[in-house]
Amino acid sequence: MALMLDESEASDAELIGRAKGGDRRAFGKLLERHYDFVYRAAYRWCGKKADAEDIAQEVCVRLGPAIRDYHGSAAFTTWLYAMTLNAARDVMRKTVRETIKIEAYGAYELISGEAPVEPEDPAEALWAAVRMLPDKQRDAVLLVYGEGLSHAAAAEAIGISETTVSWHIHEAKKRLKTLMRSAGEV
């Protein structure tokens, strides 16, 4: 008789292996274990609670079929972060398309009824400025400073070289300094 580990004691690798084999409980435990990570990454990327929830939900849906393609060549969280970034980009593209449609019909002010909220917290002002960066610079900053990944791990998640991540960080710092000065934050 084989001794089964409790899911709370099982490693990610064990849970992934069982989830690939169709074990729903293992898959559920894997989701439970990493949901906060996915939500936090999504929130840092978009800055809105509702959008972060949509992104996290989309990642959960995509993870079911995608788990079979995970081969373990990268850390699971790195692979999951790449999946989260892709889902965030998809949700944001959809949001942009919908906003363009709403604005095209002249109904934006009627529907929203509110002006953008200016962040009071200097850290939130900085993250808002990060979200204004070009895609690759934003992704590099979010991975390295938001999630605490090394440049090498960030490079793996984004799919670029480590030196390119370092260059994007460097360029982002210059751009952020300019953005924060123009906003009166520096």
C-alpha atoms as a PDB file:
ATOM      1  CA  MET A   1       0.000   0.000   0.000  1.00  0.00           C
ATOM      2  CA  ALA A   2       1.520   3.330  -1.083  1.00  0.00           C
ATOM      3  CA  LEU A   3       1.741   6.108   1.435  1.00  0.00           C
ATOM      4  CA  MET A   4       0.044   9.249   0.077  1.00  0.00           C
ATOM      5  CA  LEU A   5       1.355  12.602   1.187  1.00  0.00           C
ATOM      6  CA  ASP A   6      -1.113  15.165   2.385  1.00  0.00           C
ATOM      7  CA  GLU A   7      -1.404  17.874  -0.312  1.00  0.00           C
ATOM      8  CA  SER A   8      -0.190  20.502   2.179  1.00  0.00           C
ATOM      9  CA  GLU A   9       3.078  18.552   2.539  1.00  0.00           C
ATOM     10  CA  ALA A  10       3.511  17.711  -1.141  1.00  0.00           C
ATOM     11  CA  SER A  11       6.046  19.671  -3.153  1.00  0.00           C
ATOM     12  CA  ASP A  12       5.039  21.630  -6.227  1.00  0.00           C
ATOM     13  CA  ALA A  13       6.731  18.998  -8.397  1.00  0.00           C
ATOM     14  CA  GLU A  14       4.654  16.218  -6.816  1.00  0.00           C
ATOM     15  CA  LEU A  15       1.433  18.215  -7.169  1.00  0.00           C
ATOM     16  CA  ILE A  16       2.252  19.077 -10.790  1.00  0.00           C
ATOM     17  CA  GLY A  17       2.935  15.432 -11.608  1.00  0.00           C
ATOM     18  CA  ARG A  18      -0.343  14.348 -10.045  1.00  0.00           C
ATOM     19  CA  ALA A  19      -2.243  17.229 -11.694  1.00  0.00           C
ATOM     20  CA  LYS A  20      -0.856  16.207 -15.093  1.00  0.00           C
ATOM     21  CA  GLY A  21      -2.283  12.764 -14.385  1.00  0.00           C
ATOM     22  CA  GLY A  22      -5.746  14.219 -13.784  1.00  0.00           C
ATOM     23  CA  ASP A  23      -5.719  14.526  -9.979  1.00  0.00           C
ATOM     24  CA  ARG A  24      -8.148  17.392  -9.340  1.00  0.00           C
ATOM     25  CA  ARG A  25      -7.286  17.675  -5.660  1.00  0.00           C
ATOM     26  CA  ALA A  26      -3.596  18.135  -6.479  1.00  0.00           C
ATOM     27  CA  PHE A  27      -4.484  20.721  -9.119  1.00  0.00           C
ATOM     28  CA  GLY A  28      -6.719  22.541  -6.622  1.00  0.00           C
ATOM     29  CA  LYS A  29      -3.950  22.555  -4.015  1.00  0.00           C
ATOM     30  CA  LEU A  30      -1.507  23.927  -6.582  1.00  0.00           C
ATOM     31  CA  LEU A  31      -3.943  26.729  -7.420  1.00  0.00           C
ATOM     32  CA  GLU A  32      -4.555  27.450  -3.756  1.00  0.00           C
ATOM     33  CA  ARG A  33      -0.826  27.559  -3.049  1.00  0.00           C
ATOM     34  CA  HIS A  34      -0.021  29.997  -5.877  1.00  0.00           C
ATOM     35  CA  TYR A  35      -3.179  32.109  -6.274  1.00  0.00           C
ATOM     36  CA  ASP A  36      -1.891  34.977  -4.103  1.00  0.00           C
ATOM     37  CA  PHE A  37       1.310  35.080  -6.157  1.00  0.00           C
ATOM     38  CA  VAL A  38      -0.685  35.293  -9.398  1.00  0.00           C
ATOM     39  CA  TYR A  39      -3.043  37.953  -8.024  1.00  0.00           C
ATOM     40  CA  ARG A  40      -0.173  40.057  -6.637  1.00  0.00           C
ATOM     41  CA  ALA A  41       1.694  39.911  -9.947  1.00  0.00           C
ATOM     42  CA  ALA A  42      -1.467  40.812 -11.864  1.00  0.00           C
ATOM     43  CA  TYR A  43      -2.213  43.714  -9.530  1.00  0.00           C
ATOM     44  CA  ARG A  44       1.281  45.125  -9.875  1.00  0.00           C
ATOM     45  CA  TRP A  45       0.936  44.857 -13.643  1.00  0.00           C
ATOM     46  CA  CYS A  46      -2.441  46.589 -13.971  1.00  0.00           C
ATOM     47  CA  GLY A  47      -2.955  48.511 -10.706  1.00  0.00           C
ATOM     48  CA  LYS A  48      -6.679  47.803 -10.478  1.00  0.00           C
ATOM     49  CA  LYS A  49      -8.254  45.274  -8.141  1.00  0.00           C
ATOM     50  CA  ALA A  50     -11.032  44.245 -10.539  1.00  0.00           C
ATOM     51  CA  ASP A  51      -8.623  43.780 -13.452  1.00  0.00           C
ATOM     52  CA  ALA A  52      -6.191  41.839 -11.237  1.00  0.00           C
ATOM     53  CA  GLU A  53      -9.026  39.531 -10.202  1.00  0.00           C
ATOM     54  CA  ASP A  54      -9.982  39.010 -13.863  1.00  0.00           C
ATOM     55  CA  ILE A  55      -6.369  38.272 -14.772  1.00  0.00           C
ATOM     56  CA  ALA A  56      -5.925  35.831 -11.866  1.00  0.00           C
ATOM     57  CA  GLN A  57      -9.151  34.079 -12.840  1.00  0.00           C
ATOM     58  CA  GLU A  58      -7.979  33.844 -16.458  1.00  0.00           C
ATOM     59  CA  VAL A  59      -4.677  32.302 -15.319  1.00  0.00           C
ATOM     60  CA  CYS A  60      -6.572  29.727 -13.241  1.00  0.00           C
ATOM     61  CA  VAL A  61      -8.660  28.792 -16.283  1.00  0.00           C
ATOM     62  CA  ARG A  62      -5.620  28.589 -18.575  1.00  0.00           C
ATOM     63  CA  LEU A  63      -3.575  26.608 -16.078  1.00  0.00           C
ATOM     64  CA  GLY A  64      -5.739  23.486 -16.409  1.00  0.00           C
ATOM     65  CA  PRO A  65      -4.834  22.654 -19.999  1.00  0.00           C
ATOM     66  CA  ALA A  66      -1.398  24.329 -19.816  1.00  0.00           C
ATOM     67  CA  ILE A  67      -0.104  22.299 -16.867  1.00  0.00           C
ATOM     68  CA  ARG A  68       0.426  19.368 -19.217  1.00  0.00           C
ATOM     69  CA  ASP A  69       2.943  21.489 -21.147  1.00  0.00           C
ATOM     70  CA  TYR A  70       5.017  22.363 -18.072  1.00  0.00           C
ATOM     71  CA  HIS A  71       8.272  20.427 -18.363  1.00  0.00           C
ATOM     72  CA  GLY A  72      10.116  21.686 -15.293  1.00  0.00           C
ATOM     73  CA  SER A  73      12.974  23.366 -17.158  1.00  0.00           C
ATOM     74  CA  ALA A  74      12.166  26.589 -15.259  1.00  0.00           C
ATOM     75  CA  ALA A  75      10.879  27.084 -11.746  1.00  0.00           C
ATOM     76  CA  PHE A  76       7.101  26.656 -11.599  1.00  0.00           C
ATOM     77  CA  THR A  77       6.664  30.214 -10.316  1.00  0.00           C
ATOM     78  CA  THR A  78       8.727  31.560 -13.231  1.00  0.00           C
ATOM     79  CA  TRP A  79       6.563  29.641 -15.691  1.00  0.00           C
ATOM     80  CA  LEU A  80       3.432  30.769 -13.834  1.00  0.00           C
ATOM     81  CA  TYR A  81       4.624  34.370 -13.892  1.00  0.00           C
ATOM     82  CA  ALA A  82       5.083  34.219 -17.663  1.00  0.00           C
ATOM     83  CA  MET A  83       1.552  32.845 -17.950  1.00  0.00           C
ATOM     84  CA  THR A  84       0.288  35.677 -15.720  1.00  0.00           C
ATOM     85  CA  LEU A  85       2.032  38.313 -17.827  1.00  0.00           C
ATOM     86  CA  ASN A  86       0.492  36.888 -20.984  1.00  0.00           C
ATOM     87  CA  ALA A  87      -2.974  36.864 -19.416  1.00  0.00           C
ATOM     88  CA  ALA A  88      -2.458  40.426 -18.157  1.00  0.00           C
ATOM     89  CA  ARG A  89      -1.454  41.590 -21.625  1.00  0.00           C
ATOM     90  CA  ASP A  90      -4.520  39.890 -23.117  1.00  0.00           C
ATOM     91  CA  VAL A  91      -6.884  41.461 -20.568  1.00  0.00           C
ATOM     92  CA  MET A  92      -5.307  44.885 -21.028  1.00  0.00           C
ATOM     93  CA  ARG A  93      -5.547  44.630 -24.831  1.00  0.00           C
ATOM     94  CA  LYS A  94      -9.209  43.743 -24.458  1.00  0.00           C
ATOM     95  CA  THR A  95      -9.716  46.667 -22.084  1.00  0.00           C
ATOM     96  CA  VAL A  96      -8.031  49.039 -24.537  1.00  0.00           C
ATOM     97  CA  ARG A  97     -10.232  47.799 -27.391  1.00  0.00           C
ATOM     98  CA  GLU A  98     -13.362  48.244 -25.284  1.00  0.00           C
ATOM     99  CA  THR A  99     -12.281  51.720 -24.180  1.00  0.00           C
ATOM    100  CA  ILE A 100     -11.675  52.742 -27.776  1.00  0.00           C
ATOM    101  CA  LYS A 101     -15.162  51.543 -28.706  1.00  0.00           C
ATOM    102  CA  ILE A 102     -16.750  53.412 -25.799  1.00  0.00           C
ATOM    103  CA  GLU A 103     -14.864  56.606 -26.601  1.00  0.00           C
ATOM    104  CA  ALA A 104     -15.776  56.268 -30.273  1.00  0.00           C
ATOM    105  CA  TYR A 105     -19.438  56.400 -29.372  1.00  0.00           C
ATOM    106  CA  GLY A 106     -18.920  59.413 -27.118  1.00  0.00           C
ATOM    107  CA  ALA A 107     -20.227  57.603 -24.069  1.00  0.00           C
ATOM    108  CA  TYR A 108     -17.045  57.392 -21.987  1.00  0.00           C
ATOM    109  CA  GLU A 109     -17.873  60.256 -19.605  1.00  0.00           C
ATOM    110  CA  LEU A 110     -21.477  59.092 -19.253  1.00  0.00           C
ATOM    111  CA  ILE A 111     -20.485  55.547 -18.368  1.00  0.00           C
ATOM    112  CA  SER A 112     -17.495  56.184 -16.113  1.00  0.00           C
ATOM    113  CA  GLY A 113     -18.788  59.269 -14.315  1.00  0.00           C
ATOM    114  CA  GLU A 114     -15.498  59.671 -12.516  1.00  0.00           C
ATOM    115  CA  ALA A 115     -12.071  61.173 -13.052  1.00  0.00           C
ATOM    116  CA  PRO A 116      -8.959  59.061 -12.643  1.00  0.00           C
ATOM    117  CA  VAL A 117      -7.910  58.854  -9.018  1.00  0.00           C
ATOM    118  CA  GLU A 118      -4.496  60.310  -8.248  1.00  0.00           C
ATOM    119  CA  PRO A 119      -2.593  58.065  -5.875  1.00  0.00           C
ATOM    120  CA  GLU A 120      -1.764  59.680  -2.532  1.00  0.00           C
ATOM    121  CA  ASP A 121       0.858  57.135  -1.508  1.00  0.00           C
ATOM    122  CA  PRO A 122       4.264  57.897  -3.086  1.00  0.00           C
ATOM    123  CA  ALA A 123       4.865  54.171  -3.605  1.00  0.00           C
ATOM    124  CA  GLU A 124       1.554  53.839  -5.463  1.00  0.00           C
ATOM    125  CA  ALA A 125       2.458  56.907  -7.529  1.00  0.00           C
ATOM    126  CA  LEU A 126       5.698  55.161  -8.473  1.00  0.00           C
ATOM    127  CA  TRP A 127       3.881  51.925  -9.427  1.00  0.00           C
ATOM    128  CA  ALA A 128       1.406  53.990 -11.471  1.00  0.00           C
ATOM    129  CA  ALA A 129       4.392  55.503 -13.303  1.00  0.00           C
ATOM    130  CA  VAL A 130       5.849  51.998 -13.803  1.00  0.00           C
ATOM    131  CA  ARG A 131       2.597  50.975 -15.492  1.00  0.00           C
ATOM    132  CA  MET A 132       3.135  53.864 -17.965  1.00  0.00           C
ATOM    133  CA  LEU A 133       6.486  52.454 -19.135  1.00  0.00           C
ATOM    134  CA  PRO A 134       6.879  50.619 -22.444  1.00  0.00           C
ATOM    135  CA  ASP A 135       5.907  46.939 -22.149  1.00  0.00           C
ATOM    136  CA  LYS A 136       9.335  45.350 -21.813  1.00  0.00           C
ATOM    137  CA  GLN A 137      10.635  47.976 -19.388  1.00  0.00           C
ATOM    138  CA  ARG A 138       7.469  47.641 -17.294  1.00  0.00           C
ATOM    139  CA  ASP A 139       7.705  43.849 -17.258  1.00  0.00           C
ATOM    140  CA  ALA A 140      11.369  43.933 -16.225  1.00  0.00           C
ATOM    141  CA  VAL A 141      10.716  46.397 -13.386  1.00  0.00           C
ATOM    142  CA  LEU A 142       7.659  44.481 -12.162  1.00  0.00           C
ATOM    143  CA  LEU A 143       9.550  41.202 -12.117  1.00  0.00           C
ATOM    144  CA  VAL A 144      12.754  42.488 -10.523  1.00  0.00           C
ATOM    145  CA  TYR A 145      11.409  45.082  -8.080  1.00  0.00           C
ATOM    146  CA  GLY A 146       7.782  44.054  -7.698  1.00  0.00           C
ATOM    147  CA  GLU A 147       8.343  40.311  -7.377  1.00  0.00           C
ATOM    148  CA  GLY A 148      11.964  40.297  -6.223  1.00  0.00           C
ATOM    149  CA  LEU A 149      13.213  38.050  -9.024  1.00  0.00           C
ATOM    150  CA  SER A 150      16.834  38.099 -10.102  1.00  0.00           C
ATOM    151  CA  HIS A 151      17.654  39.491 -13.526  1.00  0.00           C
ATOM    152  CA  ALA A 152      18.256  35.902 -14.693  1.00  0.00           C
ATOM    153  CA  ALA A 153      14.861  34.682 -13.444  1.00  0.00           C
ATOM    154  CA  ALA A 154      13.142  37.740 -14.938  1.00  0.00           C
ATOM    155  CA  ALA A 155      14.872  37.057 -18.259  1.00  0.00           C
ATOM    156  CA  GLU A 156      13.581  33.503 -18.217  1.00  0.00           C
ATOM    157  CA  ALA A 157      10.022  34.642 -17.436  1.00  0.00           C
ATOM    158  CA  ILE A 158      10.001  37.267 -20.194  1.00  0.00           C
ATOM    159  CA  GLY A 159      11.941  35.165 -22.689  1.00  0.00           C
ATOM    160  CA  ILE A 160      14.881  37.530 -23.233  1.00  0.00           C
ATOM    161  CA  SER A 161      18.536  37.579 -22.168  1.00  0.00           C
ATOM    162  CA  GLU A 162      19.686  38.660 -18.725  1.00  0.00           C
ATOM    163  CA  THR A 163      21.667  41.577 -20.161  1.00  0.00           C
ATOM    164  CA  THR A 164      18.553  42.773 -21.972  1.00  0.00           C
ATOM    165  CA  VAL A 165      16.638  42.743 -18.684  1.00  0.00           C
ATOM    166  CA  SER A 166      19.428  44.813 -17.124  1.00  0.00           C
ATOM    167  CA  TRP A 167      19.257  47.264 -20.020  1.00  0.00           C
ATOM    168  CA  HIS A 168      15.446  47.553 -19.706  1.00  0.00           C
ATOM    169  CA  ILE A 169      15.832  48.225 -15.961  1.00  0.00           C
ATOM    170  CA  HIS A 170      18.431  50.910 -16.666  1.00  0.00           C
ATOM    171  CA  GLU A 171      16.237  52.598 -19.284  1.00  0.00           C
ATOM    172  CA  ALA A 172      13.180  52.319 -17.033  1.00  0.00           C
ATOM    173  CA  LYS A 173      15.004  54.057 -14.173  1.00  0.00           C
ATOM    174  CA  LYS A 174      15.883  56.980 -16.447  1.00  0.00           C
ATOM    175  CA  ARG A 175      12.328  57.218 -17.744  1.00  0.00           C
ATOM    176  CA  LEU A 176      10.814  56.883 -14.255  1.00  0.00           C
ATOM    177  CA  LYS A 177      13.015  59.683 -12.962  1.00  0.00           C
ATOM    178  CA  THR A 178      11.659  61.921 -15.723  1.00  0.00           C
ATOM    179  CA  LEU A 179       8.061  60.832 -15.140  1.00  0.00           C
ATOM    180  CA  MET A 180       8.279  61.352 -11.390  1.00  0.00           C
ATOM    181  CA  ARG A 181       9.900  64.785 -11.799  1.00  0.00           C
ATOM    182  CA  SER A 182       7.151  65.908 -14.168  1.00  0.00           C
ATOM    183  CA  ALA A 183       4.562  64.674 -11.662  1.00  0.00           C
ATOM    184  CA  GLY A 184       6.298  66.594  -8.857  1.00  0.00           C
ATOM    185  CA  GLU A 185       7.137  63.444  -6.926  1.00  0.00           C
ATOM    186  CA  VAL A 186      10.944  63.793  -6.985  1.00  0.00           C
END
